[in-house]
Full PDB file with SEQRES, HELIX, SHEET, SSBOND, CRYST1, ORIGX, SCALE, CONECT and MASTER records, all heavy atoms in Angstrom:
SEQRES   1 A   34  GLN PRO LEU ALA GLN ARG TYR GLY VAL GLU MET LEU VAL          
SEQRES   2 A   34  ALA ASP ALA SER ASP GLY ASP ALA ALA PHE ASP ALA ILE          
SEQRES   3 A   34  ALA ALA ALA ALA THR VAL VAL VAL                              
HELIX    1 AA1 PRO A    2  TYR A    7  1                                   6    
HELIX    2 AA2 ALA A   16  ASP A   18  5                                   3    
HELIX    3 AA3 ASP A   20  ALA A   29  1                                  10    
CRYST1    1.000    1.000    1.000  90.00  90.00  90.00 P 1           1          
ORIGX1      1.000000  0.000000  0.000000        0.00000                         
ORIGX2      0.000000  1.000000  0.000000        0.00000                         
ORIGX3      0.000000  0.000000  1.000000        0.00000                         
SCALE1      1.000000  0.000000  0.000000        0.00000                         
SCALE2      0.000000  1.000000  0.000000        0.00000                         
SCALE3      0.000000  0.000000  1.000000        0.00000                         
ATOM      1  N   GLN A   1      -0.532 -10.171   3.552  1.00  0.00           N  
ATOM      2  CA  GLN A   1      -1.215 -10.355   4.822  1.00  0.00           C  
ATOM      3  C   GLN A   1      -0.315 -11.002   5.918  1.00  0.00           C  
ATOM      4  O   GLN A   1      -0.252 -10.434   7.030  1.00  0.00           O  
ATOM      5  CB  GLN A   1      -2.469 -11.178   4.639  1.00  0.00           C  
ATOM      6  CG  GLN A   1      -3.339 -11.296   5.907  1.00  0.00           C  
ATOM      7  CD  GLN A   1      -3.857  -9.963   6.370  1.00  0.00           C  
ATOM      8  OE1 GLN A   1      -4.296  -9.126   5.599  1.00  0.00           O  
ATOM      9  NE2 GLN A   1      -3.769  -9.722   7.674  1.00  0.00           N  
ATOM     10  N   PRO A   2       0.386 -12.074   5.671  1.00  0.00           N  
ATOM     11  CA  PRO A   2       1.214 -12.650   6.721  1.00  0.00           C  
ATOM     12  C   PRO A   2       2.332 -11.686   7.216  1.00  0.00           C  
ATOM     13  O   PRO A   2       2.674 -11.643   8.372  1.00  0.00           O  
ATOM     14  CB  PRO A   2       1.813 -13.923   6.121  1.00  0.00           C  
ATOM     15  CG  PRO A   2       1.016 -14.185   4.895  1.00  0.00           C  
ATOM     16  CD  PRO A   2       0.372 -12.910   4.467  1.00  0.00           C  
ATOM     17  N   LEU A   3       2.898 -10.937   6.264  1.00  0.00           N  
ATOM     18  CA  LEU A   3       3.892  -9.950   6.608  1.00  0.00           C  
ATOM     19  C   LEU A   3       3.327  -8.821   7.458  1.00  0.00           C  
ATOM     20  O   LEU A   3       3.930  -8.418   8.438  1.00  0.00           O  
ATOM     21  CB  LEU A   3       4.577  -9.372   5.370  1.00  0.00           C  
ATOM     22  CG  LEU A   3       5.361 -10.398   4.536  1.00  0.00           C  
ATOM     23  CD1 LEU A   3       5.815  -9.795   3.223  1.00  0.00           C  
ATOM     24  CD2 LEU A   3       6.524 -10.974   5.318  1.00  0.00           C  
ATOM     25  N   ALA A   4       2.140  -8.340   7.075  1.00  0.00           N  
ATOM     26  CA  ALA A   4       1.507  -7.280   7.860  1.00  0.00           C  
ATOM     27  C   ALA A   4       1.224  -7.747   9.260  1.00  0.00           C  
ATOM     28  O   ALA A   4       1.453  -7.016  10.241  1.00  0.00           O  
ATOM     29  CB  ALA A   4       0.211  -6.825   7.197  1.00  0.00           C  
ATOM     30  N   GLN A   5       0.790  -9.010   9.424  1.00  0.00           N  
ATOM     31  CA  GLN A   5       0.558  -9.523  10.767  1.00  0.00           C  
ATOM     32  C   GLN A   5       1.826  -9.716  11.549  1.00  0.00           C  
ATOM     33  O   GLN A   5       1.905  -9.347  12.713  1.00  0.00           O  
ATOM     34  CB  GLN A   5      -0.221 -10.852  10.666  1.00  0.00           C  
ATOM     35  CG  GLN A   5      -1.623 -10.678  10.209  1.00  0.00           C  
ATOM     36  CD  GLN A   5      -2.362 -11.989  10.046  1.00  0.00           C  
ATOM     37  OE1 GLN A   5      -1.763 -13.031   9.798  1.00  0.00           O  
ATOM     38  NE2 GLN A   5      -3.715 -11.921  10.071  1.00  0.00           N  
ATOM     39  N   ARG A   6       2.837 -10.266  10.910  1.00  0.00           N  
ATOM     40  CA  ARG A   6       4.109 -10.519  11.562  1.00  0.00           C  
ATOM     41  C   ARG A   6       4.723  -9.218  12.135  1.00  0.00           C  
ATOM     42  O   ARG A   6       5.221  -9.158  13.237  1.00  0.00           O  
ATOM     43  CB  ARG A   6       5.100 -11.171  10.659  1.00  0.00           C  
ATOM     44  CG  ARG A   6       6.454 -11.366  11.286  1.00  0.00           C  
ATOM     45  CD  ARG A   6       7.423 -12.071  10.425  1.00  0.00           C  
ATOM     46  NE  ARG A   6       8.709 -12.160  11.093  1.00  0.00           N  
ATOM     47  CZ  ARG A   6       9.820 -12.525  10.569  1.00  0.00           C  
ATOM     48  NH1 ARG A   6       9.817 -12.866   9.293  1.00  0.00           N  
ATOM     49  NH2 ARG A   6      10.918 -12.553  11.225  1.00  0.00           N  
ATOM     50  N   TYR A   7       4.711  -8.185  11.298  1.00  0.00           N  
ATOM     51  CA  TYR A   7       5.363  -6.931  11.689  1.00  0.00           C  
ATOM     52  C   TYR A   7       4.405  -5.905  12.304  1.00  0.00           C  
ATOM     53  O   TYR A   7       4.852  -4.820  12.741  1.00  0.00           O  
ATOM     54  CB  TYR A   7       6.099  -6.297  10.483  1.00  0.00           C  
ATOM     55  CG  TYR A   7       7.233  -7.161  10.007  1.00  0.00           C  
ATOM     56  CD1 TYR A   7       7.116  -7.984   8.910  1.00  0.00           C  
ATOM     57  CD2 TYR A   7       8.438  -7.162  10.729  1.00  0.00           C  
ATOM     58  CE1 TYR A   7       8.183  -8.790   8.524  1.00  0.00           C  
ATOM     59  CE2 TYR A   7       9.502  -7.943  10.327  1.00  0.00           C  
ATOM     60  CZ  TYR A   7       9.378  -8.780   9.238  1.00  0.00           C  
ATOM     61  OH  TYR A   7      10.402  -9.574   8.832  1.00  0.00           O  
ATOM     62  N   GLY A   8       3.136  -6.226  12.351  1.00  0.00           N  
ATOM     63  CA  GLY A   8       2.166  -5.316  12.982  1.00  0.00           C  
ATOM     64  C   GLY A   8       2.008  -4.017  12.262  1.00  0.00           C  
ATOM     65  O   GLY A   8       1.935  -2.956  12.895  1.00  0.00           O  
ATOM     66  N   VAL A   9       1.970  -4.032  10.927  1.00  0.00           N  
ATOM     67  CA  VAL A   9       1.914  -2.834  10.162  1.00  0.00           C  
ATOM     68  C   VAL A   9       0.719  -2.914   9.226  1.00  0.00           C  
ATOM     69  O   VAL A   9       0.125  -3.935   8.955  1.00  0.00           O  
ATOM     70  CB  VAL A   9       3.171  -2.596   9.345  1.00  0.00           C  
ATOM     71  CG1 VAL A   9       4.392  -2.360  10.229  1.00  0.00           C  
ATOM     72  CG2 VAL A   9       3.412  -3.718   8.355  1.00  0.00           C  
ATOM     73  N   GLU A  10       0.321  -1.707   8.725  1.00  0.00           N  
ATOM     74  CA  GLU A  10      -0.713  -1.621   7.755  1.00  0.00           C  
ATOM     75  C   GLU A  10      -0.307  -2.178   6.427  1.00  0.00           C  
ATOM     76  O   GLU A  10       0.897  -2.175   6.066  1.00  0.00           O  
ATOM     77  CB  GLU A  10      -1.116  -0.132   7.573  1.00  0.00           C  
ATOM     78  CG  GLU A  10      -2.264   0.100   6.640  1.00  0.00           C  
ATOM     79  CD  GLU A  10      -2.597   1.572   6.479  1.00  0.00           C  
ATOM     80  OE1 GLU A  10      -2.046   2.427   7.206  1.00  0.00           O  
ATOM     81  OE2 GLU A  10      -3.393   1.885   5.588  1.00  0.00           O  
ATOM     82  N   MET A  11      -1.223  -2.671   5.661  1.00  0.00           N  
ATOM     83  CA  MET A  11      -0.978  -3.289   4.367  1.00  0.00           C  
ATOM     84  C   MET A  11      -1.826  -2.542   3.319  1.00  0.00           C  
ATOM     85  O   MET A  11      -3.008  -2.290   3.503  1.00  0.00           O  
ATOM     86  CB  MET A  11      -1.442  -4.742   4.452  1.00  0.00           C  
ATOM     87  CG  MET A  11      -1.438  -5.467   3.146  1.00  0.00           C  
ATOM     88  SD  MET A  11      -2.100  -7.150   3.388  1.00  0.00           S  
ATOM     89  CE  MET A  11      -3.800  -6.911   2.892  1.00  0.00           C  
ATOM     90  N   LEU A  12      -1.201  -2.138   2.209  1.00  0.00           N  
ATOM     91  CA  LEU A  12      -1.808  -1.474   1.101  1.00  0.00           C  
ATOM     92  C   LEU A  12      -1.586  -2.334  -0.132  1.00  0.00           C  
ATOM     93  O   LEU A  12      -0.469  -2.786  -0.415  1.00  0.00           O  
ATOM     94  CB  LEU A  12      -1.251  -0.077   0.888  1.00  0.00           C  
ATOM     95  CG  LEU A  12      -1.362   0.834   2.111  1.00  0.00           C  
ATOM     96  CD1 LEU A  12      -0.434   2.013   1.963  1.00  0.00           C  
ATOM     97  CD2 LEU A  12      -2.802   1.327   2.257  1.00  0.00           C  
ATOM     98  N   VAL A  13      -2.634  -2.510  -0.924  1.00  0.00           N  
ATOM     99  CA  VAL A  13      -2.571  -3.365  -2.104  1.00  0.00           C  
ATOM    100  C   VAL A  13      -2.783  -2.521  -3.364  1.00  0.00           C  
ATOM    101  O   VAL A  13      -3.750  -1.732  -3.412  1.00  0.00           O  
ATOM    102  CB  VAL A  13      -3.595  -4.484  -2.062  1.00  0.00           C  
ATOM    103  CG1 VAL A  13      -3.517  -5.402  -3.310  1.00  0.00           C  
ATOM    104  CG2 VAL A  13      -3.355  -5.371  -0.808  1.00  0.00           C  
ATOM    105  N   ALA A  14      -1.925  -2.637  -4.343  1.00  0.00           N  
ATOM    106  CA  ALA A  14      -2.092  -1.949  -5.574  1.00  0.00           C  
ATOM    107  C   ALA A  14      -1.420  -2.753  -6.700  1.00  0.00           C  
ATOM    108  O   ALA A  14      -0.226  -3.119  -6.608  1.00  0.00           O  
ATOM    109  CB  ALA A  14      -1.497  -0.564  -5.503  1.00  0.00           C  
ATOM    110  N   ASP A  15      -2.177  -3.041  -7.702  1.00  0.00           N  
ATOM    111  CA  ASP A  15      -1.685  -3.757  -8.867  1.00  0.00           C  
ATOM    112  C   ASP A  15      -2.040  -2.881 -10.104  1.00  0.00           C  
ATOM    113  O   ASP A  15      -2.968  -2.025 -10.017  1.00  0.00           O  
ATOM    114  CB  ASP A  15      -2.307  -5.135  -9.006  1.00  0.00           C  
ATOM    115  CG  ASP A  15      -1.686  -5.993 -10.104  1.00  0.00           C  
ATOM    116  OD1 ASP A  15      -0.586  -5.709 -10.502  1.00  0.00           O  
ATOM    117  OD2 ASP A  15      -2.378  -6.919 -10.548  1.00  0.00           O  
ATOM    118  N   ALA A  16      -1.384  -3.062 -11.183  1.00  0.00           N  
ATOM    119  CA  ALA A  16      -1.602  -2.238 -12.385  1.00  0.00           C  
ATOM    120  C   ALA A  16      -3.071  -2.329 -12.816  1.00  0.00           C  
ATOM    121  O   ALA A  16      -3.624  -1.334 -13.285  1.00  0.00           O  
ATOM    122  CB  ALA A  16      -0.682  -2.657 -13.496  1.00  0.00           C  
ATOM    123  N   SER A  17      -3.686  -3.495 -12.592  1.00  0.00           N  
ATOM    124  CA  SER A  17      -5.065  -3.663 -13.016  1.00  0.00           C  
ATOM    125  C   SER A  17      -6.037  -2.814 -12.153  1.00  0.00           C  
ATOM    126  O   SER A  17      -7.165  -2.588 -12.501  1.00  0.00           O  
ATOM    127  CB  SER A  17      -5.473  -5.140 -12.945  1.00  0.00           C  
ATOM    128  OG  SER A  17      -5.376  -5.600 -11.617  1.00  0.00           O  
ATOM    129  N   ASP A  18      -5.552  -2.332 -10.993  1.00  0.00           N  
ATOM    130  CA  ASP A  18      -6.357  -1.511 -10.116  1.00  0.00           C  
ATOM    131  C   ASP A  18      -6.418  -0.039 -10.578  1.00  0.00           C  
ATOM    132  O   ASP A  18      -7.240   0.730 -10.112  1.00  0.00           O  
ATOM    133  CB  ASP A  18      -5.774  -1.514  -8.701  1.00  0.00           C  
ATOM    134  CG  ASP A  18      -5.778  -2.926  -8.091  1.00  0.00           C  
ATOM    135  OD1 ASP A  18      -6.679  -3.699  -8.412  1.00  0.00           O  
ATOM    136  OD2 ASP A  18      -4.870  -3.184  -7.278  1.00  0.00           O  
ATOM    137  N   GLY A  19      -5.511   0.337 -11.449  1.00  0.00           N  
ATOM    138  CA  GLY A  19      -5.498   1.677 -11.997  1.00  0.00           C  
ATOM    139  C   GLY A  19      -4.882   2.706 -11.061  1.00  0.00           C  
ATOM    140  O   GLY A  19      -4.311   2.386  -9.974  1.00  0.00           O  
ATOM    141  N   ASP A  20      -5.060   3.961 -11.400  1.00  0.00           N  
ATOM    142  CA  ASP A  20      -4.425   5.044 -10.671  1.00  0.00           C  
ATOM    143  C   ASP A  20      -4.868   5.179  -9.221  1.00  0.00           C  
ATOM    144  O   ASP A  20      -4.053   5.547  -8.366  1.00  0.00           O  
ATOM    145  CB  ASP A  20      -4.746   6.438 -11.368  1.00  0.00           C  
ATOM    146  CG  ASP A  20      -3.964   6.577 -12.689  1.00  0.00           C  
ATOM    147  OD1 ASP A  20      -3.031   5.859 -12.915  1.00  0.00           O  
ATOM    148  OD2 ASP A  20      -4.407   7.447 -13.500  1.00  0.00           O  
ATOM    149  N   ALA A  21      -6.119   4.918  -8.947  1.00  0.00           N  
ATOM    150  CA  ALA A  21      -6.633   5.178  -7.611  1.00  0.00           C  
ATOM    151  C   ALA A  21      -5.904   4.409  -6.515  1.00  0.00           C  
ATOM    152  O   ALA A  21      -5.618   4.945  -5.423  1.00  0.00           O  
ATOM    153  CB  ALA A  21      -8.121   4.878  -7.555  1.00  0.00           C  
ATOM    154  N   ALA A  22      -5.549   3.161  -6.776  1.00  0.00           N  
ATOM    155  CA  ALA A  22      -4.841   2.354  -5.777  1.00  0.00           C  
ATOM    156  C   ALA A  22      -3.489   2.885  -5.470  1.00  0.00           C  
ATOM    157  O   ALA A  22      -2.988   2.889  -4.337  1.00  0.00           O  
ATOM    158  CB  ALA A  22      -4.755   0.903  -6.255  1.00  0.00           C  
ATOM    159  N   PHE A  23      -2.783   3.371  -6.524  1.00  0.00           N  
ATOM    160  CA  PHE A  23      -1.447   3.922  -6.348  1.00  0.00           C  
ATOM    161  C   PHE A  23      -1.509   5.331  -5.762  1.00  0.00           C  
ATOM    162  O   PHE A  23      -0.630   5.723  -4.928  1.00  0.00           O  
ATOM    163  CB  PHE A  23      -0.678   3.926  -7.689  1.00  0.00           C  
ATOM    164  CG  PHE A  23      -0.343   2.521  -8.124  1.00  0.00           C  
ATOM    165  CD1 PHE A  23      -1.221   1.871  -8.969  1.00  0.00           C  
ATOM    166  CD2 PHE A  23       0.733   1.859  -7.658  1.00  0.00           C  
ATOM    167  CE1 PHE A  23      -0.960   0.545  -9.368  1.00  0.00           C  
ATOM    168  CE2 PHE A  23       1.018   0.571  -8.014  1.00  0.00           C  
ATOM    169  CZ  PHE A  23       0.159  -0.093  -8.874  1.00  0.00           C  
ATOM    170  N   ASP A  24      -2.548   6.084  -6.079  1.00  0.00           N  
ATOM    171  CA  ASP A  24      -2.803   7.358  -5.407  1.00  0.00           C  
ATOM    172  C   ASP A  24      -2.994   7.192  -3.952  1.00  0.00           C  
ATOM    173  O   ASP A  24      -2.528   8.012  -3.136  1.00  0.00           O  
ATOM    174  CB  ASP A  24      -3.972   8.073  -6.055  1.00  0.00           C  
ATOM    175  CG  ASP A  24      -3.707   8.647  -7.419  1.00  0.00           C  
ATOM    176  OD1 ASP A  24      -2.512   8.820  -7.795  1.00  0.00           O  
ATOM    177  OD2 ASP A  24      -4.679   8.910  -8.171  1.00  0.00           O  
ATOM    178  N   ALA A  25      -3.648   6.118  -3.518  1.00  0.00           N  
ATOM    179  CA  ALA A  25      -3.873   5.856  -2.086  1.00  0.00           C  
ATOM    180  C   ALA A  25      -2.571   5.577  -1.386  1.00  0.00           C  
ATOM    181  O   ALA A  25      -2.402   6.024  -0.229  1.00  0.00           O  
ATOM    182  CB  ALA A  25      -4.866   4.705  -1.923  1.00  0.00           C  
ATOM    183  N   ILE A  26      -1.696   4.861  -2.029  1.00  0.00           N  
ATOM    184  CA  ILE A  26      -0.374   4.610  -1.406  1.00  0.00           C  
ATOM    185  C   ILE A  26       0.378   5.918  -1.224  1.00  0.00           C  
ATOM    186  O   ILE A  26       0.909   6.218  -0.158  1.00  0.00           O  
ATOM    187  CB  ILE A  26       0.467   3.605  -2.246  1.00  0.00           C  
ATOM    188  CG1 ILE A  26      -0.153   2.211  -2.180  1.00  0.00           C  
ATOM    189  CG2 ILE A  26       1.917   3.579  -1.773  1.00  0.00           C  
ATOM    190  CD1 ILE A  26       0.504   1.180  -3.071  1.00  0.00           C  
ATOM    191  N   ALA A  27       0.448   6.709  -2.268  1.00  0.00           N  
ATOM    192  CA  ALA A  27       1.160   7.981  -2.188  1.00  0.00           C  
ATOM    193  C   ALA A  27       0.553   8.906  -1.180  1.00  0.00           C  
ATOM    194  O   ALA A  27       1.251   9.589  -0.391  1.00  0.00           O  
ATOM    195  CB  ALA A  27       1.232   8.654  -3.553  1.00  0.00           C  
ATOM    196  N   ALA A  28      -0.783   8.966  -1.101  1.00  0.00           N  
ATOM    197  CA  ALA A  28      -1.476   9.855  -0.156  1.00  0.00           C  
ATOM    198  C   ALA A  28      -1.245   9.415   1.298  1.00  0.00           C  
ATOM    199  O   ALA A  28      -1.285  10.257   2.173  1.00  0.00           O  
ATOM    200  CB  ALA A  28      -2.946   9.896  -0.478  1.00  0.00           C  
ATOM    201  N   ALA A  29      -0.983   8.096   1.519  1.00  0.00           N  
ATOM    202  CA  ALA A  29      -0.820   7.645   2.890  1.00  0.00           C  
ATOM    203  C   ALA A  29       0.608   7.807   3.399  1.00  0.00           C  
ATOM    204  O   ALA A  29       0.849   7.489   4.569  1.00  0.00           O  
ATOM    205  CB  ALA A  29      -1.199   6.149   2.917  1.00  0.00           C  
ATOM    206  N   ALA A  30       1.520   8.236   2.558  1.00  0.00           N  
ATOM    207  CA  ALA A  30       2.914   8.234   2.908  1.00  0.00           C  
ATOM    208  C   ALA A  30       3.554   9.627   2.861  1.00  0.00           C  
ATOM    209  O   ALA A  30       3.109  10.510   2.184  1.00  0.00           O  
ATOM    210  CB  ALA A  30       3.654   7.308   1.917  1.00  0.00           C  
ATOM    211  N   THR A  31       4.630   9.695   3.600  1.00  0.00           N  
ATOM    212  CA  THR A  31       5.554  10.823   3.483  1.00  0.00           C  
ATOM    213  C   THR A  31       6.705  10.417   2.549  1.00  0.00           C  
ATOM    214  O   THR A  31       7.138  11.209   1.720  1.00  0.00           O  
ATOM    215  CB  THR A  31       6.145  11.197   4.854  1.00  0.00           C  
ATOM    216  OG1 THR A  31       5.083  11.483   5.736  1.00  0.00           O  
ATOM    217  CG2 THR A  31       7.057  12.389   4.757  1.00  0.00           C  
ATOM    218  N   VAL A  32       7.121   9.136   2.713  1.00  0.00           N  
ATOM    219  CA  VAL A  32       8.161   8.588   1.854  1.00  0.00           C  
ATOM    220  C   VAL A  32       7.683   7.290   1.298  1.00  0.00           C  
ATOM    221  O   VAL A  32       7.192   6.426   2.064  1.00  0.00           O  
ATOM    222  CB  VAL A  32       9.467   8.336   2.703  1.00  0.00           C  
ATOM    223  CG1 VAL A  32      10.540   7.684   1.774  1.00  0.00           C  
ATOM    224  CG2 VAL A  32       9.983   9.659   3.248  1.00  0.00           C  
ATOM    225  N   VAL A  33       7.825   7.066   0.007  1.00  0.00           N  
ATOM    226  CA  VAL A  33       7.481   5.796  -0.657  1.00  0.00           C  
ATOM    227  C   VAL A  33       8.801   5.225  -1.153  1.00  0.00           C  
ATOM    228  O   VAL A  33       9.516   5.872  -1.900  1.00  0.00           O  
ATOM    229  CB  VAL A  33       6.546   6.029  -1.845  1.00  0.00           C  
ATOM    230  CG1 VAL A  33       6.340   4.719  -2.623  1.00  0.00           C  
ATOM    231  CG2 VAL A  33       5.184   6.545  -1.338  1.00  0.00           C  
ATOM    232  N   VAL A  34       9.115   4.027  -0.679  1.00  0.00           N  
ATOM    233  CA  VAL A  34      10.286   3.304  -1.164  1.00  0.00           C  
ATOM    234  C   VAL A  34       9.814   2.165  -2.037  1.00  0.00           C  
ATOM    235  O   VAL A  34       9.119   1.286  -1.572  1.00  0.00           O  
ATOM    236  CB  VAL A  34      11.124   2.768   0.066  1.00  0.00           C  
ATOM    237  CG1 VAL A  34      12.337   2.024  -0.435  1.00  0.00           C  
ATOM    238  CG2 VAL A  34      11.515   3.907   0.945  1.00  0.00           C  
TER     239      VAL A  34                                                      
MASTER        0    0    0    3    0    0    0    6  238    1    0    3          
END                                                                             
């Protein structure tokens, strides 16, 4: 959250306990994932 505010960017949260859906959301929102 503090980094997203500092840089004025969107923040996406995904942990292994969140399962596939959280990581699918990251991939779907991106052209490039680093």
